[in-house]
Amino acid sequence: MKCFQESVIHRRTNYALGKSIPVLPSQIIAVVERMTREVPSAFNMQSARVIVAMGKHHKKIWQITKETLKKIVSPESFSATETKIDGFSSAYGTVLFFEEMNIIKDMQEKFAAYADNFPVWAQQANGMLQFSIWTALDDIGIGVNLQHYNPLIDAEIKEYFTVPDSWKLIAQMPFGEIKQPPMPIEKISISERVKVFS
């Protein structure tokens, strides 16, 4: 097990994913449940909701996505889009991230002085949850990438998984076997991003 900082450094985007995962599905579920329980949220509102989809349910997410995009992407461009979506479909599973908007509305009514902030705080907490699950999955040898096909696919996804209308889709996280290492990325000088006053 890596230390936290090593885990953050090691976490990367993996697009080449497969189904031969090095852990049991139950270990993946345990990671998602643990992180969802422990990641903080403003006013402890706990508005994030998560679906872990595997097998035919994982495939359905990307079938819906492909069919939706086929209606709006030009035929000459669709081949590249289809290849990309098929890559996500080739993964072992997908984590879907939602926000329960009724909780956010309740908090806005309860604490009216902060009403405008609750949607922002909810997004921040959801981002922390995505990052935490991503990093924890990487820790157990699972590759991950993060996608945002919402709101295009929202209605069909919600219907398929029979989630409440009040759940808003935020992101889709395909996960699976790491089939090839991620490409290197450039980092700008840290002095441009961090200023220290002491």
C-alpha atoms as a PDB file:
ATOM      1  CA  MET A   1       0.000   0.000   0.000  1.00  0.00           C
ATOM      2  CA  LYS A   2       1.402   3.364  -1.071  1.00  0.00           C
ATOM      3  CA  CYS A   3       1.385   6.405   1.191  1.00  0.00           C
ATOM      4  CA  PHE A   4      -1.170   9.087   0.326  1.00  0.00           C
ATOM      5  CA  GLN A   5       1.208  11.419  -1.521  1.00  0.00           C
ATOM      6  CA  GLU A   6       2.658   8.550  -3.562  1.00  0.00           C
ATOM      7  CA  SER A   7      -0.869   7.451  -4.452  1.00  0.00           C
ATOM      8  CA  VAL A   8      -1.775  10.939  -5.669  1.00  0.00           C
ATOM      9  CA  ILE A   9       1.413  11.155  -7.756  1.00  0.00           C
ATOM     10  CA  HIS A  10       0.809   7.697  -9.251  1.00  0.00           C
ATOM     11  CA  ARG A  11      -2.851   8.314 -10.146  1.00  0.00           C
ATOM     12  CA  ARG A  12      -3.225   8.910 -13.876  1.00  0.00           C
ATOM     13  CA  THR A  13      -5.792   8.718 -16.672  1.00  0.00           C
ATOM     14  CA  ASN A  14      -5.897   5.277 -18.287  1.00  0.00           C
ATOM     15  CA  TYR A  15      -7.777   5.051 -21.585  1.00  0.00           C
ATOM     16  CA  ALA A  16      -6.691   1.532 -22.601  1.00  0.00           C
ATOM     17  CA  LEU A  17      -8.799  -0.562 -20.233  1.00  0.00           C
ATOM     18  CA  GLY A  18      -9.777  -4.228 -20.257  1.00  0.00           C
ATOM     19  CA  LYS A  19     -11.791  -6.762 -18.312  1.00  0.00           C
ATOM     20  CA  SER A  20      -9.013  -8.865 -16.711  1.00  0.00           C
ATOM     21  CA  ILE A  21      -8.935  -7.005 -13.421  1.00  0.00           C
ATOM     22  CA  PRO A  22      -6.330  -7.979 -10.774  1.00  0.00           C
ATOM     23  CA  VAL A  23      -8.814  -7.868  -7.864  1.00  0.00           C
ATOM     24  CA  LEU A  24     -12.236  -9.215  -6.979  1.00  0.00           C
ATOM     25  CA  PRO A  25     -15.269  -7.081  -7.920  1.00  0.00           C
ATOM     26  CA  SER A  26     -16.118  -6.998  -4.216  1.00  0.00           C
ATOM     27  CA  GLN A  27     -12.860  -5.106  -3.573  1.00  0.00           C
ATOM     28  CA  ILE A  28     -13.875  -2.436  -6.068  1.00  0.00           C
ATOM     29  CA  ILE A  29     -17.293  -2.123  -4.442  1.00  0.00           C
ATOM     30  CA  ALA A  30     -15.651  -1.853  -1.010  1.00  0.00           C
ATOM     31  CA  VAL A  31     -13.426   1.009  -2.241  1.00  0.00           C
ATOM     32  CA  VAL A  32     -16.395   2.907  -3.690  1.00  0.00           C
ATOM     33  CA  GLU A  33     -18.487   2.419  -0.559  1.00  0.00           C
ATOM     34  CA  ARG A  34     -15.650   3.410   1.780  1.00  0.00           C
ATOM     35  CA  MET A  35     -14.749   6.563  -0.133  1.00  0.00           C
ATOM     36  CA  THR A  36     -18.402   7.579  -0.543  1.00  0.00           C
ATOM     37  CA  ARG A  37     -18.879   7.245   3.202  1.00  0.00           C
ATOM     38  CA  GLU A  38     -15.696   9.079   4.231  1.00  0.00           C
ATOM     39  CA  VAL A  39     -15.203  11.949   1.752  1.00  0.00           C
ATOM     40  CA  PRO A  40     -16.340  15.216   3.400  1.00  0.00           C
ATOM     41  CA  SER A  41     -19.046  17.565   2.194  1.00  0.00           C
ATOM     42  CA  ALA A  42     -20.040  21.089   3.231  1.00  0.00           C
ATOM     43  CA  PHE A  43     -22.453  21.113   6.180  1.00  0.00           C
ATOM     44  CA  ASN A  44     -22.156  17.308   6.031  1.00  0.00           C
ATOM     45  CA  MET A  45     -24.926  17.343   3.424  1.00  0.00           C
ATOM     46  CA  GLN A  46     -23.784  14.051   1.822  1.00  0.00           C
ATOM     47  CA  SER A  47     -25.604  14.822  -1.427  1.00  0.00           C
ATOM     48  CA  ALA A  48     -23.421  12.653  -3.690  1.00  0.00           C
ATOM     49  CA  ARG A  49     -24.959   9.452  -5.036  1.00  0.00           C
ATOM     50  CA  VAL A  50     -23.043   6.702  -6.816  1.00  0.00           C
ATOM     51  CA  ILE A  51     -23.905   3.731  -9.017  1.00  0.00           C
ATOM     52  CA  VAL A  52     -21.344   0.990  -9.704  1.00  0.00           C
ATOM     53  CA  ALA A  53     -22.259  -0.689 -12.989  1.00  0.00           C
ATOM     54  CA  MET A  54     -20.648  -3.940 -14.147  1.00  0.00           C
ATOM     55  CA  GLY A  55     -21.462  -6.580 -16.746  1.00  0.00           C
ATOM     56  CA  LYS A  56     -24.463  -5.813 -18.947  1.00  0.00           C
ATOM     57  CA  HIS A  57     -25.242  -2.666 -16.941  1.00  0.00           C
ATOM     58  CA  HIS A  58     -21.789  -1.218 -17.705  1.00  0.00           C
ATOM     59  CA  LYS A  59     -22.249  -2.076 -21.392  1.00  0.00           C
ATOM     60  CA  LYS A  60     -25.655  -0.386 -21.443  1.00  0.00           C
ATOM     61  CA  ILE A  61     -24.168   2.943 -20.317  1.00  0.00           C
ATOM     62  CA  TRP A  62     -21.888   3.051 -23.327  1.00  0.00           C
ATOM     63  CA  GLN A  63     -24.540   1.712 -25.703  1.00  0.00           C
ATOM     64  CA  ILE A  64     -26.788   4.606 -24.639  1.00  0.00           C
ATOM     65  CA  THR A  65     -23.892   7.031 -25.050  1.00  0.00           C
ATOM     66  CA  LYS A  66     -23.011   5.743 -28.527  1.00  0.00           C
ATOM     67  CA  GLU A  67     -26.608   5.816 -29.755  1.00  0.00           C
ATOM     68  CA  THR A  68     -27.095   9.321 -28.363  1.00  0.00           C
ATOM     69  CA  LEU A  69     -23.938  10.670 -29.999  1.00  0.00           C
ATOM     70  CA  LYS A  70     -24.734   8.996 -33.322  1.00  0.00           C
ATOM     71  CA  LYS A  71     -27.773  11.268 -33.580  1.00  0.00           C
ATOM     72  CA  ILE A  72     -25.765  14.468 -33.181  1.00  0.00           C
ATOM     73  CA  VAL A  73     -22.248  13.741 -34.518  1.00  0.00           C
ATOM     74  CA  SER A  74     -21.698  14.074 -38.260  1.00  0.00           C
ATOM     75  CA  PRO A  75     -21.269  10.747 -40.125  1.00  0.00           C
ATOM     76  CA  GLU A  76     -17.713  11.657 -41.187  1.00  0.00           C
ATOM     77  CA  SER A  77     -16.730  12.287 -37.553  1.00  0.00           C
ATOM     78  CA  PHE A  78     -18.653   9.432 -35.954  1.00  0.00           C
ATOM     79  CA  SER A  79     -16.053   6.724 -36.625  1.00  0.00           C
ATOM     80  CA  ALA A  80     -13.571   8.339 -34.228  1.00  0.00           C
ATOM     81  CA  THR A  81     -16.339   8.899 -31.668  1.00  0.00           C
ATOM     82  CA  GLU A  82     -17.444   5.271 -31.937  1.00  0.00           C
ATOM     83  CA  THR A  83     -13.875   4.028 -31.400  1.00  0.00           C
ATOM     84  CA  LYS A  84     -13.587   6.168 -28.289  1.00  0.00           C
ATOM     85  CA  ILE A  85     -16.897   4.948 -26.834  1.00  0.00           C
ATOM     86  CA  ASP A  86     -16.039   1.330 -27.650  1.00  0.00           C
ATOM     87  CA  GLY A  87     -12.860   1.820 -25.625  1.00  0.00           C
ATOM     88  CA  PHE A  88     -14.911   2.811 -22.574  1.00  0.00           C
ATOM     89  CA  SER A  89     -17.231  -0.127 -23.178  1.00  0.00           C
ATOM     90  CA  SER A  90     -14.219  -2.492 -23.198  1.00  0.00           C
ATOM     91  CA  ALA A  91     -13.506  -1.645 -19.556  1.00  0.00           C
ATOM     92  CA  TYR A  92     -14.690  -3.826 -16.679  1.00  0.00           C
ATOM     93  CA  GLY A  93     -17.243  -1.380 -15.279  1.00  0.00           C
ATOM     94  CA  THR A  94     -18.312   2.215 -14.793  1.00  0.00           C
ATOM     95  CA  VAL A  95     -18.933   4.350 -11.735  1.00  0.00           C
ATOM     96  CA  LEU A  96     -21.707   6.908 -12.253  1.00  0.00           C
ATOM     97  CA  PHE A  97     -21.632  10.010 -10.065  1.00  0.00           C
ATOM     98  CA  PHE A  98     -24.790  11.944  -9.248  1.00  0.00           C
ATOM     99  CA  GLU A  99     -25.977  14.736  -6.982  1.00  0.00           C
ATOM    100  CA  GLU A 100     -29.249  14.424  -5.068  1.00  0.00           C
ATOM    101  CA  MET A 101     -30.634  17.868  -5.861  1.00  0.00           C
ATOM    102  CA  ASN A 102     -33.411  17.670  -3.259  1.00  0.00           C
ATOM    103  CA  ILE A 103     -30.798  17.636  -0.504  1.00  0.00           C
ATOM    104  CA  ILE A 104     -29.135  20.704  -1.975  1.00  0.00           C
ATOM    105  CA  LYS A 105     -32.507  22.490  -2.185  1.00  0.00           C
ATOM    106  CA  ASP A 106     -33.296  21.570   1.413  1.00  0.00           C
ATOM    107  CA  MET A 107     -29.967  23.018   2.539  1.00  0.00           C
ATOM    108  CA  GLN A 108     -30.615  26.198   0.549  1.00  0.00           C
ATOM    109  CA  GLU A 109     -33.939  26.638   2.342  1.00  0.00           C
ATOM    110  CA  LYS A 110     -32.505  25.788   5.757  1.00  0.00           C
ATOM    111  CA  PHE A 111     -29.504  28.111   5.430  1.00  0.00           C
ATOM    112  CA  ALA A 112     -30.800  30.845   3.135  1.00  0.00           C
ATOM    113  CA  ALA A 113     -27.779  33.109   3.686  1.00  0.00           C
ATOM    114  CA  TYR A 114     -25.613  30.514   1.922  1.00  0.00           C
ATOM    115  CA  ALA A 115     -28.180  29.423  -0.688  1.00  0.00           C
ATOM    116  CA  ASP A 116     -26.067  30.323  -3.722  1.00  0.00           C
ATOM    117  CA  ASN A 117     -23.100  28.377  -2.358  1.00  0.00           C
ATOM    118  CA  PHE A 118     -24.675  24.968  -1.828  1.00  0.00           C
ATOM    119  CA  PRO A 119     -24.641  23.888  -5.516  1.00  0.00           C
ATOM    120  CA  VAL A 120     -20.982  24.949  -5.716  1.00  0.00           C
ATOM    121  CA  TRP A 121     -20.087  23.152  -2.499  1.00  0.00           C
ATOM    122  CA  ALA A 122     -21.889  20.031  -3.703  1.00  0.00           C
ATOM    123  CA  GLN A 123     -19.870  20.041  -6.936  1.00  0.00           C
ATOM    124  CA  GLN A 124     -16.667  20.468  -4.942  1.00  0.00           C
ATOM    125  CA  ALA A 125     -17.542  17.506  -2.710  1.00  0.00           C
ATOM    126  CA  ASN A 126     -18.455  15.412  -5.749  1.00  0.00           C
ATOM    127  CA  GLY A 127     -15.099  16.259  -7.292  1.00  0.00           C
ATOM    128  CA  MET A 128     -13.338  15.184  -4.090  1.00  0.00           C
ATOM    129  CA  LEU A 129     -15.301  11.923  -4.176  1.00  0.00           C
ATOM    130  CA  GLN A 130     -14.366  11.284  -7.817  1.00  0.00           C
ATOM    131  CA  PHE A 131     -10.710  11.958  -7.064  1.00  0.00           C
ATOM    132  CA  SER A 132     -10.755   9.767  -3.948  1.00  0.00           C
ATOM    133  CA  ILE A 133     -12.373   6.801  -5.697  1.00  0.00           C
ATOM    134  CA  TRP A 134     -10.039   7.227  -8.679  1.00  0.00           C
ATOM    135  CA  THR A 135      -6.948   7.290  -6.459  1.00  0.00           C
ATOM    136  CA  ALA A 136      -8.125   4.400  -4.283  1.00  0.00           C
ATOM    137  CA  LEU A 137      -8.884   2.265  -7.354  1.00  0.00           C
ATOM    138  CA  ASP A 138      -5.436   3.051  -8.736  1.00  0.00           C
ATOM    139  CA  ASP A 139      -4.020   1.890  -5.397  1.00  0.00           C
ATOM    140  CA  ILE A 140      -5.448  -1.604  -5.973  1.00  0.00           C
ATOM    141  CA  GLY A 141      -4.236  -1.795  -9.570  1.00  0.00           C
ATOM    142  CA  ILE A 142      -7.363  -0.627 -11.381  1.00  0.00           C
ATOM    143  CA  GLY A 143      -7.111   1.822 -14.291  1.00  0.00           C
ATOM    144  CA  VAL A 144      -9.586   4.694 -14.541  1.00  0.00           C
ATOM    145  CA  ASN A 145     -10.596   7.605 -16.724  1.00  0.00           C
ATOM    146  CA  LEU A 146     -13.271  10.244 -16.204  1.00  0.00           C
ATOM    147  CA  GLN A 147     -15.917  11.260 -18.747  1.00  0.00           C
ATOM    148  CA  HIS A 148     -18.703  13.851 -18.931  1.00  0.00           C
ATOM    149  CA  TYR A 149     -21.390  12.932 -21.446  1.00  0.00           C
ATOM    150  CA  ASN A 150     -24.047  14.540 -19.291  1.00  0.00           C
ATOM    151  CA  PRO A 151     -26.529  16.074 -19.894  1.00  0.00           C
ATOM    152  CA  LEU A 152     -26.843  14.310 -23.263  1.00  0.00           C
ATOM    153  CA  ILE A 153     -27.328  10.860 -21.748  1.00  0.00           C
ATOM    154  CA  ASP A 154     -29.011  11.813 -18.472  1.00  0.00           C
ATOM    155  CA  ALA A 155     -32.622  10.907 -19.235  1.00  0.00           C
ATOM    156  CA  GLU A 156     -31.894   7.427 -20.604  1.00  0.00           C
ATOM    157  CA  ILE A 157     -29.350   6.619 -17.889  1.00  0.00           C
ATOM    158  CA  LYS A 158     -31.791   7.641 -15.169  1.00  0.00           C
ATOM    159  CA  GLU A 159     -34.574   5.623 -16.771  1.00  0.00           C
ATOM    160  CA  TYR A 160     -32.407   2.516 -17.185  1.00  0.00           C
ATOM    161  CA  PHE A 161     -31.150   2.590 -13.585  1.00  0.00           C
ATOM    162  CA  THR A 162     -34.535   3.768 -12.226  1.00  0.00           C
ATOM    163  CA  VAL A 163     -33.007   6.604 -10.246  1.00  0.00           C
ATOM    164  CA  PRO A 164     -35.123   9.485  -8.906  1.00  0.00           C
ATOM    165  CA  ASP A 165     -35.669  12.540 -11.089  1.00  0.00           C
ATOM    166  CA  SER A 166     -33.914  14.555  -8.382  1.00  0.00           C
ATOM    167  CA  TRP A 167     -30.581  12.807  -9.095  1.00  0.00           C
ATOM    168  CA  LYS A 168     -28.407  14.878 -11.436  1.00  0.00           C
ATOM    169  CA  LEU A 169     -25.709  13.024 -13.391  1.00  0.00           C
ATOM    170  CA  ILE A 170     -22.276  14.582 -12.878  1.00  0.00           C
ATOM    171  CA  ALA A 171     -19.667  12.214 -14.360  1.00  0.00           C
ATOM    172  CA  GLN A 172     -18.960   8.734 -15.683  1.00  0.00           C
ATOM    173  CA  MET A 173     -15.851   6.798 -14.604  1.00  0.00           C
ATOM    174  CA  PRO A 174     -14.934   3.700 -16.655  1.00  0.00           C
ATOM    175  CA  PHE A 175     -12.569   1.367 -14.769  1.00  0.00           C
ATOM    176  CA  GLY A 176     -10.744  -1.862 -15.499  1.00  0.00           C
ATOM    177  CA  GLU A 177      -7.532  -3.666 -16.300  1.00  0.00           C
ATOM    178  CA  ILE A 178      -4.638  -1.359 -17.229  1.00  0.00           C
ATOM    179  CA  LYS A 179      -3.716  -2.540 -20.732  1.00  0.00           C
ATOM    180  CA  GLN A 180      -0.967   0.005 -21.369  1.00  0.00           C
ATOM    181  CA  PRO A 181       0.714   2.725 -19.332  1.00  0.00           C
ATOM    182  CA  PRO A 182      -0.695   6.244 -19.699  1.00  0.00           C
ATOM    183  CA  MET A 183       1.047   8.774 -21.905  1.00  0.00           C
ATOM    184  CA  PRO A 184       3.355  11.255 -20.128  1.00  0.00           C
ATOM    185  CA  ILE A 185       1.875  14.661 -19.382  1.00  0.00           C
ATOM    186  CA  GLU A 186       3.507  18.063 -19.093  1.00  0.00           C
ATOM    187  CA  LYS A 187       3.417  19.986 -15.850  1.00  0.00           C
ATOM    188  CA  ILE A 188       3.986  23.736 -15.767  1.00  0.00           C
ATOM    189  CA  SER A 189       6.440  25.140 -13.267  1.00  0.00           C
ATOM    190  CA  ILE A 190       5.075  24.835  -9.743  1.00  0.00           C
ATOM    191  CA  SER A 191       6.260  28.397  -9.045  1.00  0.00           C
ATOM    192  CA  GLU A 192       3.521  29.589 -11.414  1.00  0.00           C
ATOM    193  CA  ARG A 193       0.874  27.823  -9.365  1.00  0.00           C
ATOM    194  CA  VAL A 194       2.009  28.047  -5.739  1.00  0.00           C
ATOM    195  CA  LYS A 195       3.028  31.242  -3.965  1.00  0.00           C
ATOM    196  CA  VAL A 196       4.543  30.996  -0.483  1.00  0.00           C
ATOM    197  CA  PHE A 197       4.616  33.850   2.031  1.00  0.00           C
ATOM    198  CA  SER A 198       6.459  33.203   5.292  1.00  0.00           C
END
